[in-house]
């Protein structure tokens, strides 16, 4: 009788052990394609990078020495890496800064009960080396499509190895248009005059639901211009009421393609409407320095039909009484003679949508 009881206990314990192992395998498992979503894979997001480097060897103690930030992330929660493609929040309705507190940007505001909290840890994350002009690639395993990508870069002087990431530490450098569902989406990024270590922060607004992905990629900028992507490598933007990716302005100064001489002094500005739909439009403004160059610039747009600006990038824009005033941001104000930079915006209109009168003042 006692022998039978002992055998029963041992059998029960063995069954419990098998169940525990099975549950562990379920929890720490790579998501299948049905539940997959996506992330930025170039430059590698923090958890995608840790998964791609250590996914097949994540218990290797050597990681603590050669890749300590990944080590702490694996120790905190391996699912952060196994589910590298699921860092999103629902129902944000575009109010990203209200939804995501400072210090929690890389975890999407500690979304999913803190599932990705280790990605907010301050330290020297492994970084991708990039030229100042490069192509960002987002991999979308579920092919949700994108309403837009918002791409930010930390300001020069911010130290991500000692400071938590905040909204004030970031500058928006590109807002793309809509992407049709595809395995990958690409966007051109210009880091301006930044050098050294930075964080590229990408918000991917998926098209299938109000689902927002928040993605941190660590980079080291080397200066220079990277190669242009081939046409086959870039996911084309679908026709939509959002401006196309080509409408997004380069955030840093570049030589104007025009062969006309620069203005005699100050600066000049030219306006180009890049897209239009019922009640909305996208536009780009090119600023060109005169013979004396600029330390900064201000562009005034006087609207003939009461148009309003709803969002903008690569400038700071205020509006009052039918006039919008755009001023340079930190990385594109200083222009040498004949040099150009651009900024862009989306706007709203009713009735007519004629071009504004544009003027530029150097500061």
Protein backbone atom coordinates (compact mmCIF):
# COMPACT_ATOMS: atom_id res chain seq x y z
CA UNK A 1 0.00 0.00 0.00
CA UNK A 2 2.78 2.40 0.97
CA UNK A 3 4.75 1.42 -2.15
CA UNK A 4 1.76 2.17 -4.36
CA UNK A 5 1.29 5.54 -2.67
CA UNK A 6 4.95 6.43 -3.18
CA UNK A 7 4.74 5.48 -6.82
CA UNK A 8 1.62 7.60 -7.19
CA UNK A 9 3.37 10.58 -5.61
CA UNK A 10 6.39 10.17 -7.88
CA UNK A 11 4.14 9.89 -10.92
CA UNK A 12 2.24 12.99 -9.87
CA UNK A 13 5.44 14.98 -9.37
CA UNK A 14 6.73 13.86 -12.74
CA UNK A 15 3.52 14.96 -14.40
CA UNK A 16 3.73 18.35 -12.68
CA UNK A 17 7.33 18.71 -13.86
CA UNK A 18 6.34 17.98 -17.45
CA UNK A 19 3.51 20.49 -17.18
CA UNK A 20 5.84 23.20 -15.83
CA UNK A 21 8.33 22.63 -18.65
CA UNK A 22 5.53 22.71 -21.20
CA UNK A 23 4.20 25.97 -19.81
CA UNK A 24 7.69 27.47 -19.85
CA UNK A 25 8.08 26.52 -23.49
CA UNK A 26 4.75 28.15 -24.27
CA UNK A 27 5.69 31.37 -22.47
CA UNK A 28 9.26 31.58 -23.79
CA UNK A 29 8.60 30.84 -27.43
CA UNK A 30 8.99 32.55 -30.71
CA UNK A 31 5.63 33.81 -31.96
CA UNK A 32 4.25 32.11 -35.02
CA UNK A 33 3.40 34.01 -38.18
CA UNK A 34 -0.27 34.27 -37.25
CA UNK A 35 0.53 36.41 -34.21
CA UNK A 36 3.53 38.21 -35.70
CA UNK A 37 3.60 41.95 -36.31
CA UNK A 38 6.86 43.81 -36.96
CA UNK A 39 9.64 46.18 -35.98
CA UNK A 40 12.49 48.23 -37.39
CA UNK A 41 15.17 45.79 -38.49
CA UNK A 42 17.62 48.31 -39.99
CA UNK A 43 18.94 50.01 -37.96
CA UNK A 44 18.13 47.18 -35.58
CA UNK A 45 15.63 47.92 -32.83
CA UNK A 46 16.83 47.08 -29.35
CA UNK A 47 14.89 43.86 -28.92
CA UNK A 48 15.20 42.75 -32.55
CA UNK A 49 18.97 43.25 -32.30
CA UNK A 50 19.17 41.24 -29.07
CA UNK A 51 17.09 38.48 -30.61
CA UNK A 52 19.07 38.36 -33.86
CA UNK A 53 22.43 38.27 -32.04
CA UNK A 54 21.54 35.96 -29.15
CA UNK A 55 18.27 34.19 -29.90
CA UNK A 56 20.01 30.86 -30.49
CA UNK A 57 22.42 31.31 -27.57
CA UNK A 58 20.57 33.47 -25.05
CA UNK A 59 21.85 31.57 -21.99
CA UNK A 60 25.49 32.20 -22.89
CA UNK A 61 27.01 33.97 -19.83
CA UNK A 62 29.52 35.69 -22.10
CA UNK A 63 26.69 37.98 -23.21
CA UNK A 64 26.96 39.79 -19.87
CA UNK A 65 30.42 41.02 -20.87
CA UNK A 66 30.15 41.59 -24.61
CA UNK A 67 26.53 42.79 -24.82
CA UNK A 68 25.48 43.82 -21.29
CA UNK A 69 22.30 45.70 -22.23
CA UNK A 70 20.99 42.67 -24.09
CA UNK A 71 21.99 40.51 -21.12
CA UNK A 72 19.91 42.56 -18.70
CA UNK A 73 16.97 42.43 -21.13
CA UNK A 74 17.15 38.65 -21.47
CA UNK A 75 17.42 38.28 -17.69
CA UNK A 76 14.46 40.59 -17.09
CA UNK A 77 12.11 38.85 -19.53
CA UNK A 78 13.13 36.66 -22.48
CA UNK A 79 9.75 37.32 -24.09
CA UNK A 80 10.89 40.87 -24.82
CA UNK A 81 13.12 39.34 -27.49
CA UNK A 82 11.05 36.35 -28.57
CA UNK A 83 8.17 38.74 -29.16
CA UNK A 84 10.33 41.45 -30.72
CA UNK A 85 7.55 42.12 -33.23
CA UNK A 86 4.73 42.85 -30.78
CA UNK A 87 5.66 46.13 -29.06
CA UNK A 88 2.49 48.14 -29.62
CA UNK A 89 -0.37 49.93 -27.92
CA UNK A 90 -3.97 50.15 -29.08
CA UNK A 91 -6.36 53.08 -29.00
CA UNK A 92 -3.77 55.88 -28.85
CA UNK A 93 -5.63 57.83 -31.57
CA UNK A 94 -2.46 59.63 -32.61
CA UNK A 95 -1.87 61.19 -29.17
CA UNK A 96 1.52 59.56 -28.80
CA UNK A 97 3.11 62.05 -26.43
CA UNK A 98 0.10 61.93 -24.12
CA UNK A 99 0.08 58.12 -24.09
CA UNK A 100 3.81 57.48 -23.61
CA UNK A 101 5.50 59.05 -20.54
CA UNK A 102 9.08 60.31 -20.60
CA UNK A 103 11.52 57.57 -19.71
CA UNK A 104 9.22 54.89 -21.12
CA UNK A 105 9.42 55.59 -24.84
CA UNK A 106 11.29 52.42 -25.79
CA UNK A 107 8.75 50.18 -24.02
CA UNK A 108 5.70 51.95 -25.45
CA UNK A 109 4.80 53.32 -22.03
CA UNK A 110 5.36 49.95 -20.33
CA UNK A 111 2.71 48.50 -22.60
CA UNK A 112 1.35 45.00 -22.01
CA UNK A 113 1.97 45.11 -18.25
CA UNK A 114 5.62 46.06 -18.60
CA UNK A 115 6.44 43.27 -21.03
CA UNK A 116 9.13 45.44 -22.69
CA UNK A 117 10.24 47.53 -19.70
CA UNK A 118 13.90 46.44 -19.97
CA UNK A 119 14.18 48.33 -23.28
CA UNK A 120 13.96 51.61 -21.32
CA UNK A 121 17.08 50.76 -19.32
CA UNK A 122 19.72 53.46 -19.70
CA UNK A 123 23.11 52.24 -20.85
CA UNK A 124 25.39 51.52 -23.78
CA UNK A 125 23.19 49.50 -26.10
CA UNK A 126 24.85 47.92 -29.11
CA UNK A 127 24.53 50.44 -31.94
CA UNK A 128 24.41 50.26 -35.73
CA UNK A 129 26.90 52.45 -37.59
CA UNK A 130 25.17 54.63 -40.17
CA UNK A 131 26.00 57.50 -42.52
CA UNK A 132 24.01 60.65 -41.86
CA UNK A 133 21.73 59.86 -44.79
CA UNK A 134 20.44 56.31 -44.70
CA UNK A 135 17.45 54.09 -45.42
CA UNK A 136 15.35 52.87 -42.50
CA UNK A 137 13.69 49.47 -43.01
CA UNK A 138 10.66 48.29 -41.06
CA UNK A 139 9.75 44.61 -41.38
CA UNK A 140 6.00 43.90 -41.22
CA UNK A 141 5.53 40.15 -40.86
CA UNK A 142 1.74 40.41 -40.77
CA UNK A 143 1.61 42.97 -43.61
CA UNK A 144 -0.70 45.35 -41.78
CA UNK A 145 0.24 48.38 -43.88
CA UNK A 146 1.04 51.77 -42.39
CA UNK A 147 -0.91 55.00 -42.12
CA UNK A 148 2.46 56.68 -41.53
CA UNK A 149 5.86 56.39 -39.92
CA UNK A 150 7.10 59.12 -37.58
CA UNK A 151 10.89 59.08 -37.37
CA UNK A 152 12.67 61.03 -34.64
CA UNK A 153 16.35 61.34 -33.76
CA UNK A 154 17.83 62.52 -30.48
CA UNK A 155 19.21 66.04 -30.41
CA UNK A 156 22.95 66.58 -30.63
CA UNK A 157 24.38 66.56 -27.10
CA UNK A 158 21.86 64.10 -25.68
CA UNK A 159 23.61 61.10 -24.08
CA UNK A 160 21.48 57.96 -24.24
CA UNK A 161 24.07 56.05 -22.19
CA UNK A 162 23.38 58.18 -19.10
CA UNK A 163 19.98 59.83 -19.70
CA UNK A 164 16.48 58.36 -20.10
CA UNK A 165 14.84 59.04 -23.44
CA UNK A 166 12.27 61.86 -23.33
CA UNK A 167 10.10 63.59 -25.89
CA UNK A 168 12.06 66.79 -25.41
CA UNK A 169 15.28 64.96 -26.31
CA UNK A 170 13.90 64.08 -29.76
CA UNK A 171 13.45 65.96 -33.03
CA UNK A 172 11.06 64.79 -35.75
CA UNK A 173 13.00 64.35 -39.01
CA UNK A 174 10.48 62.54 -41.21
CA UNK A 175 6.77 61.85 -41.38
CA UNK A 176 5.97 59.52 -44.23
CA UNK A 177 2.77 58.96 -46.12
CA UNK A 178 0.72 55.79 -46.23
CA UNK A 179 2.19 52.39 -47.18
CA UNK A 180 0.19 49.60 -48.77
CA UNK A 181 0.51 46.23 -46.97
CA UNK A 182 3.89 44.68 -47.79
CA UNK A 183 6.64 42.67 -46.07
CA UNK A 184 8.83 45.76 -45.63
CA UNK A 185 8.53 49.54 -45.66
CA UNK A 186 11.46 51.88 -46.21
CA UNK A 187 11.94 55.56 -45.52
CA UNK A 188 14.83 57.92 -46.16
CA UNK A 189 16.35 59.49 -43.06
CA UNK A 190 18.68 62.46 -42.92
CA UNK A 191 20.37 63.07 -39.58
CA UNK A 192 21.63 66.51 -40.52
CA UNK A 193 24.88 67.47 -38.82
CA UNK A 194 24.60 64.98 -35.98
CA UNK A 195 27.66 62.99 -34.98
CA UNK A 196 28.29 60.10 -32.64
CA UNK A 197 25.78 58.02 -30.71
CA UNK A 198 22.04 58.69 -31.05
CA UNK A 199 18.67 56.98 -30.75
CA UNK A 200 16.40 56.74 -33.79
CA UNK A 201 12.83 56.55 -32.50
CA UNK A 202 10.20 55.25 -34.90
CA UNK A 203 6.43 55.25 -34.47
CA UNK A 204 4.66 52.92 -36.87
CA UNK A 205 0.93 53.57 -37.10
CA UNK A 206 -0.48 50.33 -38.47
CA UNK A 207 -3.41 50.56 -40.88
CA UNK A 208 -5.51 47.56 -39.88
CA UNK A 209 -6.40 48.89 -36.38
CA UNK A 210 -5.59 51.87 -34.18
CA UNK A 211 -2.36 50.09 -33.30
CA UNK A 212 0.83 52.09 -32.68
CA UNK A 213 4.31 50.56 -32.48
CA UNK A 214 7.11 52.34 -30.58
CA UNK A 215 10.63 51.37 -31.60
CA UNK A 216 14.09 52.42 -30.37
CA UNK A 217 17.17 51.84 -32.54
CA UNK A 218 20.65 52.85 -31.36
CA UNK A 219 22.98 54.28 -34.00
CA UNK A 220 26.38 55.90 -34.36
CA UNK A 221 26.48 58.51 -37.12
CA UNK A 222 29.68 58.72 -39.14
CA UNK A 223 28.75 61.60 -41.46
CA UNK A 224 28.46 61.32 -45.21
CA UNK A 225 25.74 60.01 -47.48
CA UNK A 226 24.69 56.40 -47.78
CA UNK A 227 23.78 54.66 -51.04
CA UNK A 228 20.30 55.20 -52.43
CA UNK A 229 17.98 52.19 -52.11
CA UNK A 230 17.07 50.30 -55.26
CA UNK A 231 13.54 50.68 -56.52
CA UNK A 232 12.82 47.02 -55.80
CA UNK A 233 13.95 47.33 -52.20
CA UNK A 234 11.55 50.11 -51.26
CA UNK A 235 7.91 49.46 -50.54
CA UNK A 236 5.93 51.91 -52.62
CA UNK A 237 3.47 54.22 -50.93
CA UNK A 238 -0.13 53.62 -51.94
CA UNK A 239 -2.46 56.33 -53.10
CA UNK A 240 -4.03 57.80 -49.99
CA UNK A 241 -5.02 61.08 -48.38
CA UNK A 242 -1.59 61.25 -46.75
CA UNK A 243 1.34 62.92 -48.48
CA UNK A 244 3.69 60.54 -50.26
CA UNK A 245 7.09 59.80 -48.82
CA UNK A 246 8.68 62.06 -51.41
CA UNK A 247 6.86 64.94 -49.74
CA UNK A 248 8.94 64.52 -46.60
CA UNK A 249 11.74 67.02 -46.59
CA UNK A 250 15.35 66.25 -45.91
CA UNK A 251 16.10 67.66 -42.47
CA UNK A 252 19.59 68.85 -43.21
CA UNK A 253 20.95 71.39 -45.66
CA UNK A 254 21.76 70.12 -49.13
CA UNK A 255 22.94 71.81 -52.30
CA UNK A 256 20.10 73.06 -54.43
CA UNK A 257 19.71 71.32 -57.77
CA UNK A 258 18.78 74.62 -59.39
CA UNK A 259 21.44 76.27 -61.52
CA UNK A 260 20.07 79.75 -60.90
CA UNK A 261 22.25 82.06 -58.79
CA UNK A 262 21.39 82.49 -55.12
CA UNK A 263 19.57 85.63 -54.02
CA UNK A 264 21.79 88.64 -53.42
CA UNK A 265 21.25 88.59 -49.66
CA UNK A 266 19.10 87.06 -46.98
CA UNK A 267 17.23 84.01 -48.24
CA UNK A 268 14.46 82.95 -50.60
CA UNK A 269 11.72 80.33 -50.28
CA UNK A 270 9.70 78.38 -52.82
CA UNK A 271 6.44 76.52 -52.17
CA UNK A 272 5.36 73.27 -53.86
CA UNK A 273 2.14 71.37 -53.21
CA UNK A 274 3.03 67.68 -53.20
CA UNK A 275 -0.41 66.10 -52.81
CA UNK A 276 -4.06 67.04 -52.42
CA UNK A 277 -7.25 65.27 -51.44
CA UNK A 278 -10.74 66.28 -50.34
CA UNK A 279 -10.21 68.74 -47.51
CA UNK A 280 -6.47 68.19 -47.15
CA UNK A 281 -3.09 68.58 -48.81
CA UNK A 282 0.66 68.13 -48.36
CA UNK A 283 3.31 70.69 -49.26
CA UNK A 284 7.05 71.29 -49.22
CA UNK A 285 8.97 74.57 -48.89
CA UNK A 286 12.58 74.94 -50.03
CA UNK A 287 14.69 77.63 -48.35
CA UNK A 288 17.81 78.87 -50.16
CA UNK A 289 20.44 81.10 -48.56
CA UNK A 290 21.64 84.28 -50.23
CA UNK A 291 25.21 85.35 -50.84
CA UNK A 292 25.88 85.95 -47.14
CA UNK A 293 24.49 82.63 -45.90
CA UNK A 294 22.24 82.32 -42.85
CA UNK A 295 22.50 81.46 -39.18
CA UNK A 296 18.74 80.90 -39.14
CA UNK A 297 15.66 81.71 -41.20
CA UNK A 298 11.98 82.53 -40.94
CA UNK A 299 9.45 81.83 -43.70
CA UNK A 300 6.02 83.50 -43.81
CA UNK A 301 3.18 81.89 -45.77
CA UNK A 302 0.14 84.11 -46.33
CA UNK A 303 -2.84 81.95 -47.27
CA UNK A 304 -5.36 83.32 -49.80
CA UNK A 305 -8.18 80.87 -48.99
CA UNK A 306 -8.03 80.40 -45.22
CA UNK A 307 -5.99 77.20 -45.33
CA UNK A 308 -4.61 75.85 -42.05
CA UNK A 309 -1.58 73.72 -41.22
CA UNK A 310 -2.35 70.55 -39.28
CA UNK A 311 1.10 68.92 -38.91
CA UNK A 312 4.65 69.74 -39.92
CA UNK A 313 8.26 68.54 -39.88
CA UNK A 314 11.79 69.99 -40.13
CA UNK A 315 10.56 73.43 -38.96
CA UNK A 316 8.56 74.98 -36.14
CA UNK A 317 5.33 76.50 -37.45
CA UNK A 318 2.82 78.82 -35.80
CA UNK A 319 -0.27 80.34 -37.42
CA UNK A 320 -2.35 83.44 -36.79
CA UNK A 321 -4.89 85.32 -38.90
CA UNK A 322 -4.26 83.54 -42.19
CA UNK A 323 -0.46 83.71 -41.88
CA UNK A 324 1.76 80.75 -40.98
CA UNK A 325 5.29 81.45 -39.75
CA UNK A 326 7.93 78.74 -40.03
CA UNK A 327 11.31 78.96 -38.31
CA UNK A 328 14.28 76.66 -38.63
CA UNK A 329 15.04 73.90 -36.15
CA UNK A 330 18.48 73.30 -34.67
CA UNK A 331 19.95 71.28 -37.52
CA UNK A 332 18.91 73.26 -40.62
CA UNK A 333 19.23 76.95 -39.78
CA UNK A 334 22.86 77.52 -40.70
CA UNK A 335 23.24 77.62 -44.49
CA UNK A 336 26.18 78.72 -46.57
CA UNK A 337 25.69 80.88 -49.69
CA UNK A 338 23.44 79.13 -52.20
CA UNK A 339 22.75 76.20 -49.91
CA UNK A 340 19.19 74.88 -49.49
CA UNK A 341 17.13 73.00 -46.95
CA UNK A 342 13.46 72.05 -46.87
CA UNK A 343 10.54 71.60 -44.52
CA UNK A 344 7.12 70.11 -45.07
CA UNK A 345 3.61 70.08 -43.69
CA UNK A 346 0.08 68.79 -44.08
CA UNK A 347 -2.83 71.22 -44.25
CA UNK A 348 -6.60 71.55 -44.47
CA UNK A 349 -8.66 73.57 -46.96
CA UNK A 350 -12.25 74.29 -47.99
CA UNK A 351 -13.52 75.86 -51.20
CA UNK A 352 -10.21 76.65 -52.93
CA UNK A 353 -6.60 75.71 -52.29
CA UNK A 354 -4.45 78.28 -54.06
CA UNK A 355 -0.76 78.68 -53.30
CA UNK A 356 0.26 81.07 -50.52
CA UNK A 357 2.45 84.13 -50.87
CA UNK A 358 5.85 83.13 -49.48
CA UNK A 359 8.68 85.27 -48.09
CA UNK A 360 11.93 84.44 -46.32
CA UNK A 361 13.97 86.41 -43.79
CA UNK A 362 17.49 85.41 -42.74
CA UNK A 363 18.44 85.68 -39.08
